[in-house]
Amino acid sequence: MANRTTTPPKTTPAPCQPCGGTGNVPITVRVGRKHRPVGQQDGLCLNCFGTGTDPNA
């Protein structure tokens, strides 16, 4: 009898929902006494910690 091994199909991990798989999310920058928004900068996604894959998948 031939010994046959099968490998499971490789699946790609699902992208993270908040960052869309990029690992970065926009953070609003606020300045001044009234904390008015002046722009946005990139921040690390706290859901996937910058990996871009869904941790619950």
N, C-alpha and C. Protein backbone atom coordinates (compact mmCIF):
# COMPACT_ATOMS: atom_id res chain seq x y z
N MET A 1 0.83 -1.17 0.00
CA MET A 1 0.00 0.00 0.00
C MET A 1 0.88 1.24 0.00
N ALA A 2 0.45 2.18 -0.76
CA ALA A 2 1.18 3.44 -0.85
C ALA A 2 0.78 4.34 0.32
N ASN A 3 1.79 4.94 0.91
CA ASN A 3 1.53 5.86 2.01
C ASN A 3 1.25 7.24 1.42
N ARG A 4 0.05 7.72 1.61
CA ARG A 4 -0.37 8.97 0.97
C ARG A 4 -0.61 10.05 2.04
N THR A 5 0.04 11.19 1.86
CA THR A 5 -0.17 12.31 2.79
C THR A 5 -0.82 13.45 2.02
N THR A 6 -1.74 14.08 2.69
CA THR A 6 -2.41 15.22 2.06
C THR A 6 -2.10 16.47 2.86
N THR A 7 -1.91 17.55 2.18
CA THR A 7 -1.68 18.83 2.85
C THR A 7 -2.95 19.66 2.74
N PRO A 8 -3.29 20.34 3.82
CA PRO A 8 -4.50 21.18 3.75
C PRO A 8 -4.27 22.37 2.81
N PRO A 9 -5.32 22.83 2.16
CA PRO A 9 -5.15 23.97 1.25
C PRO A 9 -4.75 25.22 2.03
N LYS A 10 -3.87 26.01 1.45
CA LYS A 10 -3.41 27.23 2.10
C LYS A 10 -4.46 28.33 1.92
N THR A 11 -4.82 28.93 3.03
CA THR A 11 -5.81 30.00 2.99
C THR A 11 -5.12 31.32 3.33
N THR A 12 -5.58 32.37 2.72
CA THR A 12 -5.03 33.68 3.03
C THR A 12 -5.78 34.25 4.22
N PRO A 13 -5.07 34.89 5.15
CA PRO A 13 -5.75 35.44 6.32
C PRO A 13 -6.66 36.61 5.93
N ALA A 14 -7.73 36.75 6.66
CA ALA A 14 -8.70 37.81 6.39
C ALA A 14 -8.10 39.16 6.80
N PRO A 15 -8.36 40.23 6.02
CA PRO A 15 -7.84 41.54 6.40
C PRO A 15 -8.58 42.09 7.62
N CYS A 16 -7.89 42.90 8.36
CA CYS A 16 -8.46 43.53 9.56
C CYS A 16 -9.51 44.56 9.12
N GLN A 17 -10.63 44.62 9.85
CA GLN A 17 -11.73 45.51 9.47
C GLN A 17 -11.42 47.00 9.71
N PRO A 18 -10.91 47.41 10.88
CA PRO A 18 -10.70 48.85 11.11
C PRO A 18 -9.68 49.49 10.17
N CYS A 19 -8.61 48.75 9.86
CA CYS A 19 -7.56 49.36 9.03
C CYS A 19 -7.63 48.92 7.58
N GLY A 20 -8.46 47.95 7.25
CA GLY A 20 -8.57 47.48 5.88
C GLY A 20 -7.38 46.68 5.40
N GLY A 21 -6.58 46.16 6.31
CA GLY A 21 -5.43 45.34 5.96
C GLY A 21 -4.14 46.12 5.80
N THR A 22 -4.14 47.43 6.05
CA THR A 22 -2.92 48.22 5.90
C THR A 22 -2.09 48.28 7.17
N GLY A 23 -2.74 48.12 8.33
CA GLY A 23 -2.03 48.22 9.60
C GLY A 23 -1.99 49.63 10.15
N ASN A 24 -2.47 50.61 9.37
CA ASN A 24 -2.49 52.01 9.81
C ASN A 24 -3.92 52.53 9.80
N VAL A 25 -4.22 53.39 10.77
CA VAL A 25 -5.52 54.04 10.83
C VAL A 25 -5.29 55.54 10.95
N PRO A 26 -6.18 56.37 10.39
CA PRO A 26 -6.01 57.82 10.51
C PRO A 26 -6.35 58.31 11.92
N ILE A 27 -5.49 59.15 12.47
CA ILE A 27 -5.69 59.74 13.79
C ILE A 27 -5.82 61.25 13.59
N THR A 28 -6.87 61.85 14.15
CA THR A 28 -7.07 63.29 14.02
C THR A 28 -6.12 64.03 14.95
N VAL A 29 -5.44 65.05 14.41
CA VAL A 29 -4.52 65.86 15.20
C VAL A 29 -5.26 67.12 15.64
N ARG A 30 -5.27 67.37 16.94
CA ARG A 30 -5.96 68.54 17.50
C ARG A 30 -4.95 69.46 18.14
N VAL A 31 -5.09 70.77 17.91
CA VAL A 31 -4.17 71.75 18.48
C VAL A 31 -4.96 72.91 19.06
N GLY A 32 -4.28 73.69 19.90
CA GLY A 32 -4.87 74.92 20.42
C GLY A 32 -5.67 74.73 21.69
N ARG A 33 -6.09 75.83 22.22
CA ARG A 33 -6.83 75.84 23.48
C ARG A 33 -8.18 75.16 23.33
N LYS A 34 -8.82 75.31 22.18
CA LYS A 34 -10.14 74.72 21.95
C LYS A 34 -10.06 73.34 21.29
N HIS A 35 -8.86 72.84 21.10
CA HIS A 35 -8.62 71.53 20.49
C HIS A 35 -9.31 71.39 19.14
N ARG A 36 -9.04 72.32 18.26
CA ARG A 36 -9.64 72.25 16.93
C ARG A 36 -8.83 71.27 16.07
N PRO A 37 -9.50 70.50 15.23
CA PRO A 37 -8.79 69.55 14.37
C PRO A 37 -8.08 70.28 13.23
N VAL A 38 -6.82 69.93 12.98
CA VAL A 38 -6.05 70.57 11.91
C VAL A 38 -5.63 69.59 10.83
N GLY A 39 -5.73 68.31 11.07
CA GLY A 39 -5.32 67.35 10.06
C GLY A 39 -5.35 65.94 10.61
N GLN A 40 -4.75 65.02 9.87
CA GLN A 40 -4.70 63.63 10.28
C GLN A 40 -3.30 63.09 10.08
N GLN A 41 -2.95 62.11 10.88
CA GLN A 41 -1.69 61.41 10.72
C GLN A 41 -1.95 59.91 10.85
N ASP A 42 -1.01 59.10 10.38
CA ASP A 42 -1.17 57.65 10.47
C ASP A 42 -0.83 57.17 11.86
N GLY A 43 -1.64 56.24 12.35
CA GLY A 43 -1.40 55.63 13.65
C GLY A 43 -1.48 54.12 13.52
N LEU A 44 -0.90 53.43 14.46
CA LEU A 44 -0.89 51.97 14.47
C LEU A 44 -2.27 51.44 14.80
N CYS A 45 -2.73 50.47 14.06
CA CYS A 45 -4.03 49.86 14.31
C CYS A 45 -3.93 49.02 15.58
N LEU A 46 -4.79 49.33 16.56
CA LEU A 46 -4.75 48.62 17.84
C LEU A 46 -5.52 47.30 17.81
N ASN A 47 -6.26 47.05 16.75
CA ASN A 47 -6.96 45.78 16.63
C ASN A 47 -6.01 44.67 16.20
N CYS A 48 -5.16 44.95 15.22
CA CYS A 48 -4.25 43.93 14.69
C CYS A 48 -2.79 44.23 15.00
N PHE A 49 -2.50 45.35 15.68
CA PHE A 49 -1.15 45.77 16.03
C PHE A 49 -0.23 45.89 14.82
N GLY A 50 -0.79 46.38 13.71
CA GLY A 50 0.01 46.67 12.52
C GLY A 50 0.25 45.53 11.59
N THR A 51 -0.28 44.34 11.86
CA THR A 51 -0.04 43.21 10.97
C THR A 51 -0.96 43.23 9.76
N GLY A 52 -2.17 43.80 9.90
CA GLY A 52 -3.10 43.87 8.79
C GLY A 52 -3.99 42.66 8.66
N THR A 53 -3.81 41.65 9.50
CA THR A 53 -4.66 40.46 9.44
C THR A 53 -5.63 40.46 10.62
N ASP A 54 -6.77 39.84 10.42
CA ASP A 54 -7.80 39.80 11.45
C ASP A 54 -7.38 38.84 12.56
N PRO A 55 -7.26 39.31 13.80
CA PRO A 55 -6.81 38.42 14.87
C PRO A 55 -7.87 37.41 15.30
N ASN A 56 -9.13 37.63 14.94
CA ASN A 56 -10.20 36.71 15.34
C ASN A 56 -10.51 35.66 14.28
N ALA A 57 -9.78 35.66 13.18
CA ALA A 57 -10.05 34.71 12.11
C ALA A 57 -9.33 33.39 12.33
